[in-house]
C-alpha atoms as a PDB file:
ATOM      1  CA  UNK A   1       2.986  -1.805  -2.185  1.00  0.00           C
ATOM      2  CA  UNK A   2       6.064  -0.655  -0.418  1.00  0.00           C
ATOM      3  CA  UNK A   3       6.202  -0.559   3.447  1.00  0.00           C
ATOM      4  CA  UNK A   4       9.118   0.984   5.333  1.00  0.00           C
ATOM      5  CA  UNK A   5      10.025   1.211   8.963  1.00  0.00           C
ATOM      6  CA  UNK A   6      13.375   1.872  10.508  1.00  0.00           C
ATOM      7  CA  UNK A   7      15.893   0.038   8.288  1.00  0.00           C
ATOM      8  CA  UNK A   8      13.361  -2.425   6.837  1.00  0.00           C
ATOM      9  CA  UNK A   9      11.580  -2.409   3.544  1.00  0.00           C
ATOM     10  CA  UNK A  10       8.870  -4.805   2.354  1.00  0.00           C
ATOM     11  CA  UNK A  11       7.656  -4.842  -1.298  1.00  0.00           C
ATOM     12  CA  UNK A  12       4.552  -6.714  -2.453  1.00  0.00           C
ATOM     13  CA  UNK A  13       3.663  -6.840  -6.152  1.00  0.00           C
ATOM     14  CA  UNK A  14       0.936  -8.152  -8.471  1.00  0.00           C
ATOM     15  CA  UNK A  15      -1.909  -8.977  -6.117  1.00  0.00           C
ATOM     16  CA  UNK A  16      -5.572  -8.026  -6.405  1.00  0.00           C
ATOM     17  CA  UNK A  17      -6.366  -4.447  -5.480  1.00  0.00           C
ATOM     18  CA  UNK A  18      -8.549  -5.577  -2.529  1.00  0.00           C
ATOM     19  CA  UNK A  19      -5.824  -7.822  -1.156  1.00  0.00           C
ATOM     20  CA  UNK A  20      -3.075  -5.247  -1.501  1.00  0.00           C
ATOM     21  CA  UNK A  21      -5.175  -2.509   0.152  1.00  0.00           C
ATOM     22  CA  UNK A  22      -6.052  -4.805   3.024  1.00  0.00           C
ATOM     23  CA  UNK A  23      -2.370  -5.721   3.573  1.00  0.00           C
ATOM     24  CA  UNK A  24      -1.299  -2.001   3.293  1.00  0.00           C
ATOM     25  CA  UNK A  25      -3.844  -0.995   5.881  1.00  0.00           C
ATOM     26  CA  UNK A  26      -2.511  -3.642   8.339  1.00  0.00           C
ATOM     27  CA  UNK A  27       1.059  -2.611   7.776  1.00  0.00           C
ATOM     28  CA  UNK A  28       0.159   1.131   8.243  1.00  0.00           C
ATOM     29  CA  UNK A  29      -1.771   0.350  11.435  1.00  0.00           C
ATOM     30  CA  UNK A  30       1.404  -1.219  12.833  1.00  0.00           C
ATOM     31  CA  UNK A  31       3.506   1.920  12.210  1.00  0.00           C
ATOM     32  CA  UNK A  32       4.958   1.298   8.780  1.00  0.00           C
ATOM     33  CA  UNK A  33       5.109   4.032   6.145  1.00  0.00           C
ATOM     34  CA  UNK A  34       3.053   2.502   3.356  1.00  0.00           C
ATOM     35  CA  UNK A  35       2.557   3.592  -0.284  1.00  0.00           C
ATOM     36  CA  UNK A  36       0.698   1.722  -3.017  1.00  0.00           C
ATOM     37  CA  UNK A  37       1.687   2.381  -6.615  1.00  0.00           C
ATOM     38  CA  UNK A  38      -0.904   1.489  -9.345  1.00  0.00           C
ATOM     39  CA  UNK A  39      -0.132   0.077 -12.758  1.00  0.00           C
ATOM     40  CA  UNK A  40       0.014   3.648 -14.202  1.00  0.00           C
ATOM     41  CA  UNK A  41       2.726   4.719 -11.668  1.00  0.00           C
ATOM     42  CA  UNK A  42       0.453   6.832  -9.502  1.00  0.00           C
ATOM     43  CA  UNK A  43       1.231   6.495  -5.756  1.00  0.00           C
ATOM     44  CA  UNK A  44      -1.392   6.388  -2.960  1.00  0.00           C
ATOM     45  CA  UNK A  45      -0.851   7.155   0.704  1.00  0.00           C
ATOM     46  CA  UNK A  46      -2.983   5.402   3.360  1.00  0.00           C
ATOM     47  CA  UNK A  47      -5.573   8.212   3.380  1.00  0.00           C
ATOM     48  CA  UNK A  48      -6.080   7.612  -0.345  1.00  0.00           C
ATOM     49  CA  UNK A  49      -6.477   3.806  -0.434  1.00  0.00           C
ATOM     50  CA  UNK A  50     -10.278   4.070  -0.854  1.00  0.00           C
ATOM     51  CA  UNK A  51      -9.624   5.670  -4.288  1.00  0.00           C
ATOM     52  CA  UNK A  52      -8.002   2.385  -5.412  1.00  0.00           C
ATOM     53  CA  UNK A  53     -11.129   0.440  -4.440  1.00  0.00           C
ATOM     54  CA  UNK A  54     -13.519   2.844  -6.192  1.00  0.00           C
ATOM     55  CA  UNK A  55     -11.632   2.529  -9.523  1.00  0.00           C
END
C-alpha cells in the first residue's frame, strides 16, 4: 500500500489482505491518496478495495 498526501509518502508491505485493506481505508478516509498493489503488480484504488477481499 502506498499513501500520499502533500509531501508525505507512507509505504506498507507484506501484511494480510484484510489488514492492508483496513489500513488503506483509514488512510483514504483521512484525505490520503491510497493505492494497493497486489503480488501480480495490479494496482487498486479505494473504490476497488473490495475486489481484493473477494479474491
